[in-house]
Structure formats: structure tokens, C-alpha cells
Amino acid sequence: MIEEDRYCVDILNQTMAVRSALAQVEVLILQDHADECVEQAIASSDLEAQRQKFRELVGIFEKVCG
């Protein structure tokens, strides 16, 4: 689009759409991680695995909210 010398607002709309789509993919991946990996760690008796998964989630939230 830039190479085609498109209107700036059109380019910005496209980049915002891409960011929005990536954010939706990130939510799905995080949800899958919580549903599978975190749930398995919680169900296990492995305290270290539980702590590790919790730290992972906190790290992700820090990046998102950060």
C-alpha cells in the first residue's frame, strides 16, 4: 500500500485491522494455554509446575498491561 502511494488513512486503517486480528489470535492462544497447560498443572500435584504456569500467565499479563 505504501509503495502504491495509497491514502495515509487507508494505510492506518489496514495496520489497525492487522493489529486487531493479531490481538484476537493472541487471546485464542492464551485461552488454549489456560484451558490445557495451566489446567493440567493445577490438576497435578506438582507444585513447581503450578508455580511455573502461574508465573507464565503473570508474565503475559505484565506484557499486555504493561
N, C-alpha and C. Protein backbone atom coordinates (compact mmCIF):
# COMPACT_ATOMS: atom_id res chain seq x y z
N MET A 1 0.82 -1.19 0.00
CA MET A 1 0.00 0.00 0.00
C MET A 1 0.86 1.26 0.00
N ILE A 2 1.91 1.23 0.79
CA ILE A 2 2.80 2.39 0.84
C ILE A 2 3.47 2.58 -0.51
N GLU A 3 3.94 1.46 -1.08
CA GLU A 3 4.61 1.54 -2.37
C GLU A 3 3.67 2.02 -3.47
N GLU A 4 2.37 1.78 -3.28
CA GLU A 4 1.37 2.21 -4.25
C GLU A 4 0.91 3.64 -3.99
N ASP A 5 1.51 4.27 -2.97
CA ASP A 5 1.19 5.66 -2.61
C ASP A 5 -0.29 5.83 -2.28
N ARG A 6 -0.79 4.87 -1.48
CA ARG A 6 -2.18 4.93 -1.05
C ARG A 6 -2.38 6.03 -0.02
N TYR A 7 -3.62 6.40 0.19
CA TYR A 7 -4.00 7.43 1.15
C TYR A 7 -3.59 6.99 2.56
N CYS A 8 -2.99 7.88 3.31
CA CYS A 8 -2.45 7.56 4.64
C CYS A 8 -3.48 6.93 5.57
N VAL A 9 -4.68 7.46 5.58
CA VAL A 9 -5.72 6.94 6.46
C VAL A 9 -6.07 5.51 6.08
N ASP A 10 -6.07 5.20 4.81
CA ASP A 10 -6.33 3.82 4.38
C ASP A 10 -5.25 2.88 4.90
N ILE A 11 -4.03 3.32 4.84
CA ILE A 11 -2.91 2.51 5.35
C ILE A 11 -3.06 2.30 6.85
N LEU A 12 -3.37 3.37 7.57
CA LEU A 12 -3.55 3.26 9.02
C LEU A 12 -4.70 2.33 9.36
N ASN A 13 -5.78 2.41 8.63
CA ASN A 13 -6.91 1.50 8.87
C ASN A 13 -6.49 0.05 8.68
N GLN A 14 -5.70 -0.21 7.67
CA GLN A 14 -5.24 -1.57 7.42
C GLN A 14 -4.30 -2.05 8.52
N THR A 15 -3.38 -1.20 8.96
CA THR A 15 -2.46 -1.62 10.03
C THR A 15 -3.21 -1.86 11.33
N MET A 16 -4.23 -1.05 11.62
CA MET A 16 -5.04 -1.26 12.82
C MET A 16 -5.82 -2.57 12.72
N ALA A 17 -6.29 -2.89 11.53
CA ALA A 17 -7.02 -4.15 11.34
C ALA A 17 -6.10 -5.34 11.58
N VAL A 18 -4.86 -5.24 11.11
CA VAL A 18 -3.89 -6.31 11.32
C VAL A 18 -3.60 -6.48 12.80
N ARG A 19 -3.38 -5.37 13.50
CA ARG A 19 -3.11 -5.44 14.95
C ARG A 19 -4.29 -6.06 15.69
N SER A 20 -5.50 -5.68 15.31
CA SER A 20 -6.70 -6.23 15.95
C SER A 20 -6.79 -7.73 15.72
N ALA A 21 -6.52 -8.16 14.50
CA ALA A 21 -6.55 -9.59 14.19
C ALA A 21 -5.50 -10.35 15.00
N LEU A 22 -4.30 -9.79 15.12
CA LEU A 22 -3.26 -10.44 15.91
C LEU A 22 -3.65 -10.51 17.38
N ALA A 23 -4.27 -9.47 17.89
CA ALA A 23 -4.72 -9.48 19.29
C ALA A 23 -5.74 -10.59 19.51
N GLN A 24 -6.62 -10.80 18.55
CA GLN A 24 -7.62 -11.86 18.67
C GLN A 24 -6.95 -13.23 18.66
N VAL A 25 -5.94 -13.39 17.83
CA VAL A 25 -5.19 -14.65 17.79
C VAL A 25 -4.48 -14.87 19.13
N GLU A 26 -3.90 -13.81 19.69
CA GLU A 26 -3.22 -13.93 20.98
C GLU A 26 -4.19 -14.36 22.08
N VAL A 27 -5.39 -13.82 22.07
CA VAL A 27 -6.39 -14.20 23.06
C VAL A 27 -6.73 -15.68 22.92
N LEU A 28 -6.90 -16.15 21.70
CA LEU A 28 -7.22 -17.56 21.49
C LEU A 28 -6.08 -18.47 21.96
N ILE A 29 -4.86 -18.07 21.69
CA ILE A 29 -3.70 -18.86 22.13
C ILE A 29 -3.62 -18.87 23.65
N LEU A 30 -3.82 -17.72 24.28
CA LEU A 30 -3.78 -17.64 25.73
C LEU A 30 -4.90 -18.48 26.35
N GLN A 31 -6.06 -18.42 25.76
CA GLN A 31 -7.19 -19.22 26.25
C GLN A 31 -6.88 -20.71 26.14
N ASP A 32 -6.32 -21.12 25.02
CA ASP A 32 -5.95 -22.52 24.83
C ASP A 32 -4.90 -22.94 25.85
N HIS A 33 -3.92 -22.06 26.09
CA HIS A 33 -2.87 -22.34 27.06
C HIS A 33 -3.48 -22.53 28.46
N ALA A 34 -4.40 -21.65 28.83
CA ALA A 34 -5.04 -21.75 30.14
C ALA A 34 -5.89 -23.02 30.22
N ASP A 35 -6.62 -23.31 29.16
CA ASP A 35 -7.50 -24.49 29.14
C ASP A 35 -6.73 -25.80 29.20
N GLU A 36 -5.57 -25.83 28.58
CA GLU A 36 -4.81 -27.08 28.50
C GLU A 36 -3.66 -27.11 29.51
N CYS A 37 -2.66 -26.32 29.27
CA CYS A 37 -1.42 -26.40 30.06
C CYS A 37 -1.62 -25.99 31.51
N VAL A 38 -2.28 -24.88 31.73
CA VAL A 38 -2.47 -24.40 33.10
C VAL A 38 -3.41 -25.33 33.85
N GLU A 39 -4.46 -25.76 33.19
CA GLU A 39 -5.41 -26.69 33.83
C GLU A 39 -4.72 -27.98 34.24
N GLN A 40 -3.84 -28.50 33.37
CA GLN A 40 -3.12 -29.73 33.69
C GLN A 40 -2.20 -29.52 34.89
N ALA A 41 -1.54 -28.37 34.93
CA ALA A 41 -0.64 -28.09 36.06
C ALA A 41 -1.42 -27.98 37.36
N ILE A 42 -2.58 -27.34 37.32
CA ILE A 42 -3.40 -27.19 38.52
C ILE A 42 -3.89 -28.56 38.99
N ALA A 43 -4.27 -29.41 38.05
CA ALA A 43 -4.80 -30.74 38.39
C ALA A 43 -3.70 -31.66 38.92
N SER A 44 -2.46 -31.37 38.57
CA SER A 44 -1.36 -32.22 39.03
C SER A 44 -1.02 -31.89 40.49
N SER A 45 -0.22 -32.72 41.06
CA SER A 45 0.25 -32.44 42.42
C SER A 45 1.62 -31.78 42.40
N ASP A 46 2.07 -31.39 41.22
CA ASP A 46 3.39 -30.79 41.05
C ASP A 46 3.32 -29.29 41.32
N LEU A 47 3.70 -28.92 42.54
CA LEU A 47 3.63 -27.51 42.95
C LEU A 47 4.52 -26.63 42.08
N GLU A 48 5.67 -27.12 41.71
CA GLU A 48 6.59 -26.30 40.89
C GLU A 48 5.99 -26.05 39.51
N ALA A 49 5.34 -27.04 38.93
CA ALA A 49 4.67 -26.85 37.63
C ALA A 49 3.55 -25.84 37.77
N GLN A 50 2.82 -25.90 38.86
CA GLN A 50 1.74 -24.93 39.09
C GLN A 50 2.30 -23.51 39.19
N ARG A 51 3.38 -23.37 39.93
CA ARG A 51 4.02 -22.04 40.08
C ARG A 51 4.54 -21.54 38.74
N GLN A 52 5.15 -22.44 37.97
CA GLN A 52 5.69 -22.03 36.68
C GLN A 52 4.59 -21.53 35.75
N LYS A 53 3.49 -22.25 35.68
CA LYS A 53 2.38 -21.83 34.81
C LYS A 53 1.79 -20.51 35.30
N PHE A 54 1.69 -20.34 36.62
CA PHE A 54 1.19 -19.08 37.16
C PHE A 54 2.12 -17.93 36.78
N ARG A 55 3.44 -18.15 36.91
CA ARG A 55 4.41 -17.11 36.54
C ARG A 55 4.33 -16.78 35.05
N GLU A 56 4.11 -17.80 34.24
CA GLU A 56 3.94 -17.55 32.80
C GLU A 56 2.75 -16.63 32.54
N LEU A 57 1.64 -16.93 33.18
CA LEU A 57 0.44 -16.10 32.99
C LEU A 57 0.66 -14.67 33.48
N VAL A 58 1.29 -14.54 34.64
CA VAL A 58 1.58 -13.21 35.16
C VAL A 58 2.49 -12.45 34.19
N GLY A 59 3.49 -13.13 33.66
CA GLY A 59 4.39 -12.50 32.69
C GLY A 59 3.66 -12.00 31.45
N ILE A 60 2.73 -12.79 30.96
CA ILE A 60 1.93 -12.39 29.80
C ILE A 60 1.10 -11.17 30.14
N PHE A 61 0.43 -11.21 31.29
CA PHE A 61 -0.41 -10.07 31.69
C PHE A 61 0.43 -8.81 31.89
N GLU A 62 1.64 -8.95 32.40
CA GLU A 62 2.52 -7.79 32.57
C GLU A 62 2.84 -7.17 31.20
N LYS A 63 3.09 -8.01 30.21
CA LYS A 63 3.39 -7.51 28.87
C LYS A 63 2.18 -6.82 28.25
N VAL A 64 1.01 -7.39 28.47
CA VAL A 64 -0.21 -6.83 27.90
C VAL A 64 -0.59 -5.52 28.58
N CYS A 65 -0.50 -5.50 29.89
CA CYS A 65 -0.95 -4.34 30.66
C CYS A 65 0.16 -3.32 30.88
N GLY A 66 1.37 -3.74 30.62
CA GLY A 66 2.50 -3.06 30.92
C GLY A 66 3.09 -1.85 30.69
